[in-house]
C-alpha atoms as a PDB file:
ATOM      1  CA  UNK A   1      -6.176 -24.462  -6.761  1.00  0.00           C
ATOM      2  CA  UNK A   2      -7.317 -24.260 -10.127  1.00  0.00           C
ATOM      3  CA  UNK A   3      -5.140 -23.592 -13.159  1.00  0.00           C
ATOM      4  CA  UNK A   4      -6.174 -20.025 -13.362  1.00  0.00           C
ATOM      5  CA  UNK A   5      -5.512 -19.394  -9.611  1.00  0.00           C
ATOM      6  CA  UNK A   6      -2.081 -20.949 -10.146  1.00  0.00           C
ATOM      7  CA  UNK A   7      -1.156 -18.663 -13.108  1.00  0.00           C
ATOM      8  CA  UNK A   8      -2.515 -15.525 -11.358  1.00  0.00           C
ATOM      9  CA  UNK A   9      -0.386 -16.354  -8.307  1.00  0.00           C
ATOM     10  CA  UNK A  10       2.599 -16.933 -10.464  1.00  0.00           C
ATOM     11  CA  UNK A  11       1.930 -13.725 -12.347  1.00  0.00           C
ATOM     12  CA  UNK A  12       1.642 -11.680  -9.024  1.00  0.00           C
ATOM     13  CA  UNK A  13       4.799 -13.306  -7.576  1.00  0.00           C
ATOM     14  CA  UNK A  14       6.531 -12.198 -10.780  1.00  0.00           C
ATOM     15  CA  UNK A  15       5.398  -8.689 -10.454  1.00  0.00           C
ATOM     16  CA  UNK A  16       6.316  -8.465  -6.979  1.00  0.00           C
ATOM     17  CA  UNK A  17       9.829  -9.753  -7.835  1.00  0.00           C
ATOM     18  CA  UNK A  18      10.091  -7.305 -10.696  1.00  0.00           C
ATOM     19  CA  UNK A  19       8.584  -4.090  -9.111  1.00  0.00           C
ATOM     20  CA  UNK A  20       9.353  -4.363  -5.330  1.00  0.00           C
ATOM     21  CA  UNK A  21      12.612  -4.298  -3.517  1.00  0.00           C
ATOM     22  CA  UNK A  22      13.629  -7.653  -2.224  1.00  0.00           C
ATOM     23  CA  UNK A  23      15.057  -5.982   0.962  1.00  0.00           C
ATOM     24  CA  UNK A  24      13.407  -8.388   3.427  1.00  0.00           C
ATOM     25  CA  UNK A  25      12.901 -12.073   3.051  1.00  0.00           C
ATOM     26  CA  UNK A  26       9.564 -13.209   2.408  1.00  0.00           C
ATOM     27  CA  UNK A  27       8.763 -16.355   4.689  1.00  0.00           C
ATOM     28  CA  UNK A  28       5.954 -17.668   2.508  1.00  0.00           C
ATOM     29  CA  UNK A  29       5.298 -17.235  -1.267  1.00  0.00           C
ATOM     30  CA  UNK A  30       1.590 -16.410  -0.854  1.00  0.00           C
ATOM     31  CA  UNK A  31      -0.222 -13.235  -1.878  1.00  0.00           C
ATOM     32  CA  UNK A  32      -2.427 -11.965   0.886  1.00  0.00           C
ATOM     33  CA  UNK A  33      -5.629 -10.312  -0.342  1.00  0.00           C
ATOM     34  CA  UNK A  34      -7.461  -9.523   2.965  1.00  0.00           C
ATOM     35  CA  UNK A  35      -7.516 -10.451   6.665  1.00  0.00           C
ATOM     36  CA  UNK A  36     -10.172 -11.185   9.314  1.00  0.00           C
ATOM     37  CA  UNK A  37      -9.199 -11.761  13.034  1.00  0.00           C
ATOM     38  CA  UNK A  38      -6.237 -14.129  13.082  1.00  0.00           C
ATOM     39  CA  UNK A  39      -6.399 -15.197   9.554  1.00  0.00           C
ATOM     40  CA  UNK A  40      -5.234 -13.959   6.281  1.00  0.00           C
ATOM     41  CA  UNK A  41      -6.859 -14.982   2.821  1.00  0.00           C
ATOM     42  CA  UNK A  42      -4.901 -15.197  -0.272  1.00  0.00           C
ATOM     43  CA  UNK A  43      -5.848 -14.184  -3.830  1.00  0.00           C
ATOM     44  CA  UNK A  44      -6.427 -17.948  -4.549  1.00  0.00           C
ATOM     45  CA  UNK A  45      -8.866 -18.113  -1.782  1.00  0.00           C
ATOM     46  CA  UNK A  46      -6.810 -20.136   0.779  1.00  0.00           C
ATOM     47  CA  UNK A  47      -7.135 -19.216   4.481  1.00  0.00           C
ATOM     48  CA  UNK A  48      -4.141 -19.144   6.680  1.00  0.00           C
ATOM     49  CA  UNK A  49      -3.703 -18.683  10.390  1.00  0.00           C
ATOM     50  CA  UNK A  50      -1.320 -15.570  10.240  1.00  0.00           C
ATOM     51  CA  UNK A  51       1.513 -16.569  12.673  1.00  0.00           C
ATOM     52  CA  UNK A  52       3.664 -13.979  11.084  1.00  0.00           C
ATOM     53  CA  UNK A  53       1.426 -11.065  11.580  1.00  0.00           C
ATOM     54  CA  UNK A  54       2.926  -7.479  11.782  1.00  0.00           C
ATOM     55  CA  UNK A  55       2.854  -5.184  14.756  1.00  0.00           C
ATOM     56  CA  UNK A  56      -0.380  -3.520  13.580  1.00  0.00           C
ATOM     57  CA  UNK A  57      -2.453  -6.831  13.940  1.00  0.00           C
ATOM     58  CA  UNK A  58      -0.689  -8.838  16.703  1.00  0.00           C
ATOM     59  CA  UNK A  59      -2.906  -7.649  19.518  1.00  0.00           C
ATOM     60  CA  UNK A  60      -6.365  -7.320  17.930  1.00  0.00           C
ATOM     61  CA  UNK A  61      -6.252  -9.294  14.646  1.00  0.00           C
ATOM     62  CA  UNK A  62      -7.015  -8.223  11.182  1.00  0.00           C
ATOM     63  CA  UNK A  63      -9.712  -5.790  10.716  1.00  0.00           C
ATOM     64  CA  UNK A  64     -11.063  -5.570  14.276  1.00  0.00           C
ATOM     65  CA  UNK A  65     -14.512  -3.943  14.040  1.00  0.00           C
ATOM     66  CA  UNK A  66     -13.995  -1.296  16.702  1.00  0.00           C
ATOM     67  CA  UNK A  67     -10.462  -0.406  15.129  1.00  0.00           C
ATOM     68  CA  UNK A  68     -11.858  -0.301  11.753  1.00  0.00           C
ATOM     69  CA  UNK A  69     -14.813   1.890  12.732  1.00  0.00           C
ATOM     70  CA  UNK A  70     -12.455   4.277  14.676  1.00  0.00           C
ATOM     71  CA  UNK A  71     -10.257   4.560  11.578  1.00  0.00           C
ATOM     72  CA  UNK A  72     -12.986   5.304   9.308  1.00  0.00           C
ATOM     73  CA  UNK A  73     -14.539   7.806  11.569  1.00  0.00           C
ATOM     74  CA  UNK A  74     -11.104   9.584  11.844  1.00  0.00           C
ATOM     75  CA  UNK A  75     -10.546   9.497   8.204  1.00  0.00           C
ATOM     76  CA  UNK A  76     -13.972  11.155   7.774  1.00  0.00           C
ATOM     77  CA  UNK A  77     -12.598  14.178   9.774  1.00  0.00           C
ATOM     78  CA  UNK A  78      -8.763  14.284   9.041  1.00  0.00           C
ATOM     79  CA  UNK A  79      -6.816  11.566   7.191  1.00  0.00           C
ATOM     80  CA  UNK A  80      -3.353  13.265   8.019  1.00  0.00           C
ATOM     81  CA  UNK A  81      -2.060  16.175   9.841  1.00  0.00           C
ATOM     82  CA  UNK A  82       1.419  17.451   9.801  1.00  0.00           C
ATOM     83  CA  UNK A  83       3.385  17.610  13.103  1.00  0.00           C
ATOM     84  CA  UNK A  84       3.646  21.256  12.733  1.00  0.00           C
ATOM     85  CA  UNK A  85      -0.003  21.529  13.318  1.00  0.00           C
ATOM     86  CA  UNK A  86      -1.933  21.139  16.495  1.00  0.00           C
ATOM     87  CA  UNK A  87      -4.419  18.279  16.555  1.00  0.00           C
ATOM     88  CA  UNK A  88      -7.377  17.890  18.983  1.00  0.00           C
ATOM     89  CA  UNK A  89      -6.993  14.057  19.384  1.00  0.00           C
ATOM     90  CA  UNK A  90      -3.200  14.225  20.113  1.00  0.00           C
ATOM     91  CA  UNK A  91      -4.085  16.741  22.825  1.00  0.00           C
ATOM     92  CA  UNK A  92      -6.864  14.620  24.305  1.00  0.00           C
ATOM     93  CA  UNK A  93      -4.662  11.475  24.210  1.00  0.00           C
ATOM     94  CA  UNK A  94      -1.575  13.306  25.746  1.00  0.00           C
ATOM     95  CA  UNK A  95      -3.813  14.553  28.535  1.00  0.00           C
ATOM     96  CA  UNK A  96      -5.349  11.135  29.175  1.00  0.00           C
ATOM     97  CA  UNK A  97      -1.923   9.517  29.457  1.00  0.00           C
ATOM     98  CA  UNK A  98      -0.743  11.979  31.853  1.00  0.00           C
ATOM     99  CA  UNK A  99      -3.733  11.359  34.020  1.00  0.00           C
ATOM    100  CA  UNK A 100      -3.303   7.477  34.145  1.00  0.00           C
ATOM    101  CA  UNK A 101       0.519   6.893  33.858  1.00  0.00           C
ATOM    102  CA  UNK A 102       2.677   6.997  37.046  1.00  0.00           C
ATOM    103  CA  UNK A 103       4.881   9.865  37.861  1.00  0.00           C
ATOM    104  CA  UNK A 104       4.390  13.351  36.910  1.00  0.00           C
ATOM    105  CA  UNK A 105       3.947  13.107  33.063  1.00  0.00           C
ATOM    106  CA  UNK A 106       3.618  16.650  31.612  1.00  0.00           C
ATOM    107  CA  UNK A 107       5.036  16.116  28.173  1.00  0.00           C
ATOM    108  CA  UNK A 108       4.411  13.457  25.560  1.00  0.00           C
ATOM    109  CA  UNK A 109       5.964  13.049  22.077  1.00  0.00           C
ATOM    110  CA  UNK A 110       4.183  10.935  19.514  1.00  0.00           C
ATOM    111  CA  UNK A 111       6.002   9.454  16.665  1.00  0.00           C
ATOM    112  CA  UNK A 112       5.837   6.868  14.091  1.00  0.00           C
ATOM    113  CA  UNK A 113       9.135   5.114  14.497  1.00  0.00           C
ATOM    114  CA  UNK A 114      12.042   4.322  16.705  1.00  0.00           C
ATOM    115  CA  UNK A 115      14.136   6.723  14.377  1.00  0.00           C
ATOM    116  CA  UNK A 116      11.622   9.471  15.180  1.00  0.00           C
ATOM    117  CA  UNK A 117      11.855   8.744  18.921  1.00  0.00           C
ATOM    118  CA  UNK A 118      15.645   9.062  18.790  1.00  0.00           C
ATOM    119  CA  UNK A 119      15.368  12.175  17.104  1.00  0.00           C
ATOM    120  CA  UNK A 120      12.690  13.508  19.461  1.00  0.00           C
END
């Protein structure tokens, strides 16, 4: 790591400490800049096998090409729609789930978190 990279890392970590809540403990004091497959790459160019990945990448890795393409395609159509509006993709997915899940599924509730699931 060069002197410039070390000072940049220290500067970013200092800004992190200053501007972000310290609600959750950070296991490693690296600054991730991008990810690819099972790896993250830090701002100082170091490649790490991401053994602490979040739920969004556990199954497929970072930036899986099919997921990235699907997300870009959807963003071109609609970035976000409120739950008070009907949405074609939600209808299609609910119908598909009803056809493949066991039992008589005639109602699906999509949500973002466990708290929303409990509320629902």
